[in-house]
Each structure stands twice: as structure tokens, then as C-alpha cells.
Amino acid sequence: MSQPPSAIPASEESAAETQTAPTHTAPPPSYVKLAMRNMVRKRATSLFHFALTAAGLLGVLVGLAFLDRYFNS
């Protein structure tokens, strides 16, 4: 029959607590490293988003150039 929790000696309790303590001391990976890993893993999505961003920026620049020529002629 097992003993109730209050009957466990204090030395066994502290030994059990120290054994379950995490020993992982390495810092968590940086956000840049996680983003790079994610871009490599999901290559098609990253390239699609890059293409959308490039097309959008190009569209904005061409649109501004057109508006500048239209209003300053």
C-alpha cells in the first residue's frame, strides 16, 4: 500500500523536485532564425508573397509616375 503524500520525507521531496527541474540552458532561437527556417520550409508561399510585394511596389511606383506626368504636363 502506498504512503500518503504527507508521509514522504522532506529529503525525498527535494530530490524529486531537483530531478524534474529543466536543465536546458540554451537560449531560444531568434526570430530571424525562425523566419529563415520557415521561409526554407515553405518556399512556394514565400516566393508567392515576395512576387506579390514586388508587383505591388512596382504598381505603386508606375502609378505615381503616371500621376506626376498627368498633373505636371
C-alpha atoms as a PDB file:
ATOM      1  CA  MET A   1       0.000   0.000   0.000  1.00  0.00           C
ATOM      2  CA  SER A   2       1.403   3.457  -0.859  1.00  0.00           C
ATOM      3  CA  GLN A   3       2.012   6.169   1.660  1.00  0.00           C
ATOM      4  CA  PRO A   4       0.000   9.398   1.647  1.00  0.00           C
ATOM      5  CA  PRO A   5       1.867  12.425   0.230  1.00  0.00           C
ATOM      6  CA  SER A   6       2.390  13.925   3.669  1.00  0.00           C
ATOM      7  CA  ALA A   7       4.293  10.833   4.803  1.00  0.00           C
ATOM      8  CA  ILE A   8       7.101  11.294   2.260  1.00  0.00           C
ATOM      9  CA  PRO A   9      10.272  12.545   3.985  1.00  0.00           C
ATOM     10  CA  ALA A  10      11.470  16.045   3.081  1.00  0.00           C
ATOM     11  CA  SER A  11      14.760  14.788   1.635  1.00  0.00           C
ATOM     12  CA  GLU A  12      12.944  12.623  -0.926  1.00  0.00           C
ATOM     13  CA  GLU A  13      10.662  15.543  -1.888  1.00  0.00           C
ATOM     14  CA  SER A  14      13.588  17.869  -2.582  1.00  0.00           C
ATOM     15  CA  ALA A  15      15.413  15.140  -4.525  1.00  0.00           C
ATOM     16  CA  ALA A  16      12.335  14.553  -6.673  1.00  0.00           C
ATOM     17  CA  GLU A  17      11.943  18.288  -7.327  1.00  0.00           C
ATOM     18  CA  THR A  18      15.571  18.738  -8.372  1.00  0.00           C
ATOM     19  CA  GLN A  19      15.410  15.781 -10.748  1.00  0.00           C
ATOM     20  CA  THR A  20      12.428  17.241 -12.608  1.00  0.00           C
ATOM     21  CA  ALA A  21      13.984  20.717 -12.922  1.00  0.00           C
ATOM     22  CA  PRO A  22      14.806  21.573 -16.562  1.00  0.00           C
ATOM     23  CA  THR A  23      18.498  21.547 -17.402  1.00  0.00           C
ATOM     24  CA  HIS A  24      18.069  23.182 -20.819  1.00  0.00           C
ATOM     25  CA  THR A  25      20.197  26.333 -20.695  1.00  0.00           C
ATOM     26  CA  ALA A  26      20.480  27.204 -24.406  1.00  0.00           C
ATOM     27  CA  PRO A  27      18.727  30.453 -25.357  1.00  0.00           C
ATOM     28  CA  PRO A  28      15.644  30.161 -27.565  1.00  0.00           C
ATOM     29  CA  PRO A  29      16.281  30.678 -31.292  1.00  0.00           C
ATOM     30  CA  SER A  30      15.986  34.233 -32.548  1.00  0.00           C
ATOM     31  CA  TYR A  31      13.016  35.432 -34.556  1.00  0.00           C
ATOM     32  CA  VAL A  32      15.249  35.926 -37.601  1.00  0.00           C
ATOM     33  CA  LYS A  33      16.434  32.323 -37.424  1.00  0.00           C
ATOM     34  CA  LEU A  34      12.859  31.072 -37.093  1.00  0.00           C
ATOM     35  CA  ALA A  35      11.747  33.230 -40.046  1.00  0.00           C
ATOM     36  CA  MET A  36      14.574  31.933 -42.223  1.00  0.00           C
ATOM     37  CA  ARG A  37      13.756  28.348 -41.295  1.00  0.00           C
ATOM     38  CA  ASN A  38      10.103  28.979 -42.116  1.00  0.00           C
ATOM     39  CA  MET A  39      10.986  30.518 -45.499  1.00  0.00           C
ATOM     40  CA  VAL A  40      13.065  27.476 -46.413  1.00  0.00           C
ATOM     41  CA  ARG A  41      10.341  25.097 -45.292  1.00  0.00           C
ATOM     42  CA  LYS A  42       7.522  26.905 -47.123  1.00  0.00           C
ATOM     43  CA  ARG A  43       9.395  28.007 -50.225  1.00  0.00           C
ATOM     44  CA  ALA A  44       6.402  28.344 -52.597  1.00  0.00           C
ATOM     45  CA  THR A  45       4.434  30.559 -50.198  1.00  0.00           C
ATOM     46  CA  SER A  46       7.455  32.769 -49.556  1.00  0.00           C
ATOM     47  CA  LEU A  47       8.139  33.222 -53.269  1.00  0.00           C
ATOM     48  CA  PHE A  48       4.469  33.995 -53.930  1.00  0.00           C
ATOM     49  CA  HIS A  49       4.398  36.656 -51.213  1.00  0.00           C
ATOM     50  CA  PHE A  50       7.657  38.134 -52.498  1.00  0.00           C
ATOM     51  CA  ALA A  51       6.235  38.308 -56.035  1.00  0.00           C
ATOM     52  CA  LEU A  52       3.060  39.995 -54.761  1.00  0.00           C
ATOM     53  CA  THR A  53       5.106  42.537 -52.821  1.00  0.00           C
ATOM     54  CA  ALA A  54       7.355  43.281 -55.812  1.00  0.00           C
ATOM     55  CA  ALA A  55       4.368  43.652 -58.169  1.00  0.00           C
ATOM     56  CA  GLY A  56       2.557  45.907 -55.694  1.00  0.00           C
ATOM     57  CA  LEU A  57       5.586  48.142 -55.208  1.00  0.00           C
ATOM     58  CA  LEU A  58       6.153  48.344 -58.960  1.00  0.00           C
ATOM     59  CA  GLY A  59       2.475  49.205 -59.465  1.00  0.00           C
ATOM     60  CA  VAL A  60       2.636  51.997 -56.898  1.00  0.00           C
ATOM     61  CA  LEU A  61       5.767  53.483 -58.484  1.00  0.00           C
ATOM     62  CA  VAL A  62       4.326  53.339 -62.018  1.00  0.00           C
ATOM     63  CA  GLY A  63       1.063  54.824 -60.746  1.00  0.00           C
ATOM     64  CA  LEU A  64       2.866  57.696 -59.051  1.00  0.00           C
ATOM     65  CA  ALA A  65       4.932  58.323 -62.184  1.00  0.00           C
ATOM     66  CA  PHE A  66       1.759  58.406 -64.279  1.00  0.00           C
ATOM     67  CA  LEU A  67       0.024  60.801 -61.878  1.00  0.00           C
ATOM     68  CA  ASP A  68       3.096  63.041 -61.803  1.00  0.00           C
ATOM     69  CA  ARG A  69       3.234  63.204 -65.606  1.00  0.00           C
ATOM     70  CA  TYR A  70      -0.524  63.720 -65.907  1.00  0.00           C
ATOM     71  CA  PHE A  71      -0.738  66.619 -63.440  1.00  0.00           C
ATOM     72  CA  ASN A  72       2.563  68.310 -64.327  1.00  0.00           C
ATOM     73  CA  SER A  73       2.188  68.434 -68.116  1.00  0.00           C
END
